Each structure stands twice: as C-alpha cells, then as structure tokens.
C-alpha cells in the first residue's frame, strides 16, 4: 500500500513510498508540483488537460495510467520536480529504496553509482 508522506517532505525527504505505479505517483507528484511551482503545474495542465483532470479527481481507468500521455506526463513531472529541488538535493528514488520517491541530499547517492559522462 503506497504511503504519501504529507508535509514531511517540504524541506526534503520522502514524498511517496511503497509503490512504482503510475496511478499512485501521478497524483502525488502533481500535488507536489502544484505546491512548489503552480505556474509549471498549470503549464502541465494545459498540455495534458484530460489526464490532469483524472489526476486531480483520482479517476484513473487501468489503461489510462499506461497511456502514452500518462507516461510522458510522469517523465515531465520528474523533470519539473527536479528543477524544484532544494540546493544540494535531487528529486527521484532513494538510492537504497527504489520505491521511495522524494528529495534527497546529493551526498546520499553513492559516488560509484553516479552516471558516467563520456
């Protein structure tokens, strides 16, 4: 059962854990973006109006969470929330728990796991 962590993530830390399902991540991520950057959330709403309406009212049909728009929106949410990360933090999965999403200090990420750029 996914757990949304309320206000505990406002300064960093876990936003939602125990899930990787789009139907759980989309509403949690959209609510966080709405809180941190309302203009960016409004832009996303204009881009995916039907999907965002489903997100806001939590009315997902099974197929809708696996649609192209849902997956594209999820990627955009990751990118937009990364832009909202506090200095020294990143947005994404915890390095030791791939089902725990939130803001984490960059130093928590093991250096041997950093992406190597050519």
N, C-alpha and C. Protein backbone atom coordinates (compact mmCIF):
# COMPACT_ATOMS: atom_id res chain seq x y z
N UNK A 1 0.84 -1.17 0.00
CA UNK A 1 0.00 0.00 0.00
C UNK A 1 0.89 1.24 0.00
N UNK A 2 0.72 2.14 -0.98
CA UNK A 2 1.57 3.33 -1.02
C UNK A 2 1.29 4.25 0.15
N UNK A 3 2.32 4.96 0.55
CA UNK A 3 2.19 5.91 1.65
C UNK A 3 2.63 7.28 1.15
N UNK A 4 1.73 8.26 1.22
CA UNK A 4 2.06 9.63 0.91
C UNK A 4 2.40 10.30 2.23
N UNK A 5 3.52 11.02 2.25
CA UNK A 5 4.10 11.47 3.50
C UNK A 5 3.78 12.90 3.90
N UNK A 6 2.68 13.43 3.45
CA UNK A 6 2.22 14.73 3.94
C UNK A 6 3.27 15.81 3.88
N UNK A 7 3.35 16.62 4.95
CA UNK A 7 4.26 17.77 4.97
C UNK A 7 5.70 17.41 5.31
N UNK A 8 5.99 16.13 5.55
CA UNK A 8 7.34 15.78 5.96
C UNK A 8 8.35 16.00 4.85
N UNK A 9 7.90 16.15 3.62
CA UNK A 9 8.84 16.30 2.50
C UNK A 9 9.05 17.75 2.10
N UNK A 10 8.43 18.70 2.78
CA UNK A 10 8.52 20.09 2.36
C UNK A 10 9.96 20.61 2.40
N UNK A 11 10.77 20.09 3.27
CA UNK A 11 12.17 20.50 3.33
C UNK A 11 13.09 19.41 2.82
N UNK A 12 12.56 18.42 2.17
CA UNK A 12 13.35 17.31 1.68
C UNK A 12 12.91 16.04 2.37
N UNK A 13 13.21 14.94 1.74
CA UNK A 13 12.84 13.64 2.28
C UNK A 13 11.77 12.98 1.44
N UNK A 14 11.12 12.01 2.00
CA UNK A 14 10.19 11.16 1.27
C UNK A 14 8.88 11.87 0.94
N UNK A 15 8.45 11.72 -0.31
CA UNK A 15 7.16 12.24 -0.76
C UNK A 15 6.13 11.11 -0.80
N UNK A 16 6.50 9.99 -1.43
CA UNK A 16 5.62 8.82 -1.52
C UNK A 16 6.51 7.59 -1.54
N UNK A 17 6.07 6.53 -0.88
CA UNK A 17 6.88 5.31 -0.84
C UNK A 17 5.99 4.08 -0.95
N UNK A 18 6.62 2.97 -1.26
CA UNK A 18 5.92 1.69 -1.33
C UNK A 18 5.23 1.43 -2.65
N UNK A 19 5.58 2.18 -3.69
CA UNK A 19 4.92 2.00 -4.98
C UNK A 19 5.79 2.51 -6.11
N UNK A 20 5.58 1.95 -7.27
CA UNK A 20 6.15 2.48 -8.51
C UNK A 20 5.05 2.62 -9.55
N UNK A 21 3.79 2.44 -9.14
CA UNK A 21 2.67 2.50 -10.08
C UNK A 21 2.37 3.94 -10.47
N UNK A 22 2.19 4.15 -11.77
CA UNK A 22 1.86 5.47 -12.28
C UNK A 22 0.62 6.02 -11.61
N UNK A 23 -0.37 5.19 -11.37
CA UNK A 23 -1.62 5.66 -10.78
C UNK A 23 -1.43 6.20 -9.36
N UNK A 24 -0.37 5.82 -8.70
CA UNK A 24 -0.03 6.35 -7.37
C UNK A 24 0.90 7.56 -7.48
N UNK A 25 1.87 7.48 -8.38
CA UNK A 25 2.87 8.53 -8.49
C UNK A 25 2.31 9.81 -9.10
N UNK A 26 1.49 9.69 -10.14
CA UNK A 26 0.98 10.87 -10.82
C UNK A 26 0.27 11.85 -9.88
N UNK A 27 -0.70 11.41 -9.07
CA UNK A 27 -1.36 12.38 -8.17
C UNK A 27 -0.41 12.98 -7.12
N UNK A 28 0.47 12.16 -6.56
CA UNK A 28 1.40 12.66 -5.54
C UNK A 28 2.37 13.67 -6.14
N UNK A 29 2.91 13.36 -7.31
CA UNK A 29 3.87 14.25 -7.96
C UNK A 29 3.19 15.54 -8.42
N UNK A 30 1.97 15.42 -8.97
CA UNK A 30 1.28 16.63 -9.43
C UNK A 30 0.96 17.55 -8.25
N UNK A 31 0.50 16.98 -7.14
CA UNK A 31 0.21 17.79 -5.96
C UNK A 31 1.46 18.50 -5.46
N UNK A 32 2.60 17.81 -5.50
CA UNK A 32 3.86 18.42 -5.07
C UNK A 32 4.27 19.55 -6.02
N UNK A 33 4.11 19.33 -7.32
CA UNK A 33 4.45 20.39 -8.28
C UNK A 33 3.53 21.59 -8.09
N UNK A 34 2.26 21.33 -7.85
CA UNK A 34 1.30 22.41 -7.62
C UNK A 34 1.71 23.24 -6.41
N UNK A 35 2.24 22.59 -5.39
CA UNK A 35 2.68 23.27 -4.18
C UNK A 35 3.97 24.07 -4.41
N UNK A 36 4.91 23.48 -5.12
CA UNK A 36 6.24 24.09 -5.29
C UNK A 36 6.31 25.08 -6.44
N UNK A 37 5.57 24.80 -7.53
CA UNK A 37 5.65 25.67 -8.70
C UNK A 37 4.30 25.66 -9.42
N UNK A 38 3.33 26.45 -8.94
CA UNK A 38 1.99 26.45 -9.53
C UNK A 38 1.97 26.79 -11.03
N UNK A 39 2.86 27.67 -11.47
CA UNK A 39 2.90 28.01 -12.90
C UNK A 39 3.28 26.81 -13.75
N UNK A 40 4.22 26.04 -13.28
CA UNK A 40 4.64 24.84 -14.00
C UNK A 40 3.52 23.80 -14.02
N UNK A 41 2.80 23.68 -12.91
CA UNK A 41 1.67 22.76 -12.84
C UNK A 41 0.57 23.18 -13.80
N UNK A 42 0.31 24.47 -13.89
CA UNK A 42 -0.70 24.99 -14.82
C UNK A 42 -0.29 24.73 -16.26
N UNK A 43 0.99 24.89 -16.56
CA UNK A 43 1.51 24.59 -17.89
C UNK A 43 1.29 23.10 -18.23
N UNK A 44 1.54 22.24 -17.28
CA UNK A 44 1.32 20.81 -17.48
C UNK A 44 -0.16 20.50 -17.68
N UNK A 45 -1.00 21.21 -16.94
CA UNK A 45 -2.45 21.03 -17.08
C UNK A 45 -2.91 21.42 -18.48
N UNK A 46 -2.34 22.48 -19.02
CA UNK A 46 -2.69 22.89 -20.39
C UNK A 46 -2.23 21.86 -21.42
N UNK A 47 -1.11 21.23 -21.15
CA UNK A 47 -0.53 20.26 -22.08
C UNK A 47 -1.29 18.93 -22.07
N UNK A 48 -1.75 18.51 -20.89
CA UNK A 48 -2.44 17.22 -20.72
C UNK A 48 -3.76 17.44 -19.97
N UNK A 49 -4.72 18.17 -20.54
CA UNK A 49 -5.93 18.55 -19.77
C UNK A 49 -6.75 17.36 -19.27
N UNK A 50 -6.98 16.36 -20.10
CA UNK A 50 -7.81 15.23 -19.66
C UNK A 50 -7.09 14.40 -18.61
N UNK A 51 -5.81 14.21 -18.79
CA UNK A 51 -5.04 13.43 -17.83
C UNK A 51 -4.97 14.14 -16.48
N UNK A 52 -4.71 15.44 -16.49
CA UNK A 52 -4.61 16.18 -15.24
C UNK A 52 -5.95 16.19 -14.51
N UNK A 53 -7.04 16.25 -15.26
CA UNK A 53 -8.36 16.15 -14.61
C UNK A 53 -8.51 14.81 -13.91
N UNK A 54 -8.07 13.74 -14.54
CA UNK A 54 -8.11 12.42 -13.89
C UNK A 54 -7.21 12.39 -12.67
N UNK A 55 -6.05 13.02 -12.78
CA UNK A 55 -5.11 13.05 -11.65
C UNK A 55 -5.76 13.78 -10.47
N UNK A 56 -6.33 14.95 -10.73
CA UNK A 56 -6.88 15.76 -9.65
C UNK A 56 -8.06 15.09 -8.95
N UNK A 57 -8.84 14.33 -9.70
CA UNK A 57 -10.01 13.67 -9.11
C UNK A 57 -9.78 12.19 -8.87
N UNK A 58 -8.55 11.75 -9.08
CA UNK A 58 -8.16 10.35 -8.86
C UNK A 58 -9.13 9.38 -9.53
N UNK A 59 -9.45 9.66 -10.78
CA UNK A 59 -10.36 8.83 -11.56
C UNK A 59 -9.60 8.19 -12.70
N UNK A 60 -8.78 7.22 -12.37
CA UNK A 60 -7.99 6.53 -13.37
C UNK A 60 -8.64 5.22 -13.76
N UNK A 61 -8.80 5.02 -15.03
CA UNK A 61 -9.09 3.69 -15.52
C UNK A 61 -7.73 3.00 -15.64
N UNK A 62 -7.72 1.71 -15.60
CA UNK A 62 -6.46 0.97 -15.64
C UNK A 62 -5.61 1.39 -16.84
N UNK A 63 -6.22 1.46 -18.02
CA UNK A 63 -5.48 1.77 -19.24
C UNK A 63 -4.90 3.17 -19.22
N UNK A 64 -5.58 4.09 -18.56
CA UNK A 64 -5.16 5.50 -18.61
C UNK A 64 -3.78 5.71 -17.98
N UNK A 65 -3.43 4.93 -16.97
CA UNK A 65 -2.15 5.13 -16.31
C UNK A 65 -1.00 4.59 -17.14
N UNK A 66 -1.30 3.80 -18.16
CA UNK A 66 -0.26 3.26 -19.02
C UNK A 66 -0.30 3.86 -20.41
N UNK A 67 -1.10 4.90 -20.59
CA UNK A 67 -1.19 5.56 -21.89
C UNK A 67 0.11 6.34 -22.16
N UNK A 68 0.29 6.69 -23.41
CA UNK A 68 1.46 7.49 -23.78
C UNK A 68 1.46 8.81 -23.01
N UNK A 69 0.30 9.47 -22.94
CA UNK A 69 0.22 10.75 -22.23
C UNK A 69 0.58 10.61 -20.76
N UNK A 70 0.12 9.54 -20.13
CA UNK A 70 0.43 9.34 -18.71
C UNK A 70 1.92 9.15 -18.49
N UNK A 71 2.55 8.37 -19.35
CA UNK A 71 3.99 8.14 -19.20
C UNK A 71 4.78 9.40 -19.52
N UNK A 72 4.36 10.14 -20.56
CA UNK A 72 5.04 11.39 -20.90
C UNK A 72 4.87 12.42 -19.78
N UNK A 73 3.69 12.47 -19.20
CA UNK A 73 3.43 13.40 -18.09
C UNK A 73 4.27 13.03 -16.87
N UNK A 74 4.41 11.74 -16.60
CA UNK A 74 5.21 11.29 -15.46
C UNK A 74 6.67 11.71 -15.64
N UNK A 75 7.18 11.55 -16.85
CA UNK A 75 8.56 11.98 -17.13
C UNK A 75 8.70 13.48 -16.93
N UNK A 76 7.72 14.24 -17.42
CA UNK A 76 7.76 15.69 -17.23
C UNK A 76 7.68 16.07 -15.76
N UNK A 77 6.86 15.35 -14.99
CA UNK A 77 6.77 15.62 -13.56
C UNK A 77 8.12 15.39 -12.88
N UNK A 78 8.79 14.28 -13.22
CA UNK A 78 10.12 14.03 -12.66
C UNK A 78 11.05 15.20 -12.96
N UNK A 79 11.06 15.64 -14.22
CA UNK A 79 11.97 16.73 -14.62
C UNK A 79 11.61 18.04 -13.94
N UNK A 80 10.33 18.36 -13.88
CA UNK A 80 9.91 19.62 -13.27
C UNK A 80 10.15 19.62 -11.75
N UNK A 81 9.93 18.48 -11.11
CA UNK A 81 10.21 18.39 -9.67
C UNK A 81 11.71 18.44 -9.40
N UNK A 82 12.49 17.90 -10.31
CA UNK A 82 13.95 18.01 -10.17
C UNK A 82 14.38 19.47 -10.21
N UNK A 83 13.71 20.26 -11.06
CA UNK A 83 14.01 21.69 -11.12
C UNK A 83 13.63 22.41 -9.83
N UNK A 84 12.72 21.84 -9.06
CA UNK A 84 12.26 22.44 -7.80
C UNK A 84 13.07 21.97 -6.59
N UNK A 85 14.00 21.08 -6.81
CA UNK A 85 14.75 20.51 -5.69
C UNK A 85 15.52 21.60 -4.95
N UNK A 86 15.51 21.52 -3.63
CA UNK A 86 16.31 22.48 -2.85
C UNK A 86 17.79 22.35 -3.21
N UNK A 87 18.57 23.40 -3.03
CA UNK A 87 20.01 23.33 -3.33
C UNK A 87 20.66 22.17 -2.58
N UNK A 88 21.45 21.39 -3.30
CA UNK A 88 22.14 20.25 -2.70
C UNK A 88 21.32 18.97 -2.67
N UNK A 89 20.07 19.04 -3.16
CA UNK A 89 19.20 17.85 -3.21
C UNK A 89 18.88 17.49 -4.65
N UNK A 90 18.41 16.27 -4.84
CA UNK A 90 17.87 15.86 -6.13
C UNK A 90 16.50 15.26 -5.89
N UNK A 91 15.66 15.22 -6.93
CA UNK A 91 14.36 14.57 -6.83
C UNK A 91 14.44 13.24 -7.55
N UNK A 92 13.95 12.20 -6.90
CA UNK A 92 13.92 10.88 -7.51
C UNK A 92 13.78 9.81 -6.45
N UNK A 93 14.12 8.60 -6.85
CA UNK A 93 14.06 7.47 -5.91
C UNK A 93 15.25 7.54 -4.95
N UNK A 94 15.01 7.08 -3.73
CA UNK A 94 16.08 7.00 -2.75
C UNK A 94 17.12 5.99 -3.24
N UNK A 95 18.41 6.26 -3.06
CA UNK A 95 19.43 5.34 -3.58
C UNK A 95 19.36 3.93 -2.98
N UNK A 96 18.78 3.79 -1.79
CA UNK A 96 18.69 2.46 -1.18
C UNK A 96 17.29 1.86 -1.22
N UNK A 97 16.33 2.60 -1.80
CA UNK A 97 14.95 2.10 -1.87
C UNK A 97 14.28 2.66 -3.12
N UNK A 98 14.22 1.87 -4.18
CA UNK A 98 13.67 2.37 -5.44
C UNK A 98 12.16 2.62 -5.42
N UNK A 99 11.48 2.33 -4.31
CA UNK A 99 10.05 2.63 -4.21
C UNK A 99 9.78 3.81 -3.29
N UNK A 100 10.81 4.57 -2.95
CA UNK A 100 10.67 5.73 -2.07
C UNK A 100 11.11 6.96 -2.85
N UNK A 101 10.14 7.81 -3.23
CA UNK A 101 10.42 8.98 -4.06
C UNK A 101 10.34 10.25 -3.22
N UNK A 102 11.27 11.14 -3.48
CA UNK A 102 11.27 12.41 -2.77
C UNK A 102 12.52 13.20 -3.09
N UNK A 103 12.88 14.10 -2.18
CA UNK A 103 14.07 14.94 -2.32
C UNK A 103 15.14 14.41 -1.38
N UNK A 104 16.30 14.15 -1.94
CA UNK A 104 17.38 13.52 -1.17
C UNK A 104 18.66 14.32 -1.34
N UNK A 105 19.47 14.41 -0.28
CA UNK A 105 20.76 15.09 -0.42
C UNK A 105 21.63 14.38 -1.45
N UNK A 106 22.28 15.15 -2.27
CA UNK A 106 23.12 14.57 -3.32
C UNK A 106 24.20 13.68 -2.72
N UNK A 107 24.71 14.03 -1.55
CA UNK A 107 25.77 13.21 -0.97
C UNK A 107 25.28 11.83 -0.52
N UNK A 108 23.95 11.61 -0.45
CA UNK A 108 23.43 10.28 -0.12
C UNK A 108 23.61 9.29 -1.27
N UNK A 109 23.84 9.81 -2.47
CA UNK A 109 23.97 8.94 -3.64
C UNK A 109 25.40 8.44 -3.70
N UNK A 110 25.60 7.12 -3.64
CA UNK A 110 26.98 6.59 -3.67
C UNK A 110 27.69 7.03 -4.95
N UNK A 111 28.88 7.57 -4.81
CA UNK A 111 29.61 8.12 -5.95
C UNK A 111 29.85 7.06 -7.02
N UNK A 112 30.01 5.80 -6.64
CA UNK A 112 30.25 4.75 -7.64
C UNK A 112 29.01 4.49 -8.50
N UNK A 113 27.85 4.97 -8.06
CA UNK A 113 26.63 4.80 -8.84
C UNK A 113 26.29 6.02 -9.71
N UNK A 114 27.09 7.07 -9.64
CA UNK A 114 26.81 8.25 -10.45
C UNK A 114 26.95 7.90 -11.92
N UNK A 115 26.13 8.51 -12.75
CA UNK A 115 26.27 8.27 -14.20
C UNK A 115 27.63 8.79 -14.69
N UNK A 116 28.21 8.06 -15.57
CA UNK A 116 29.49 8.45 -16.15
C UNK A 116 29.22 9.12 -17.48
N UNK A 117 29.73 10.33 -17.64
CA UNK A 117 29.56 11.05 -18.89
C UNK A 117 30.79 10.87 -19.73
N UNK A 118 30.55 10.63 -21.01
CA UNK A 118 31.69 10.48 -21.95
C UNK A 118 32.23 11.80 -22.38
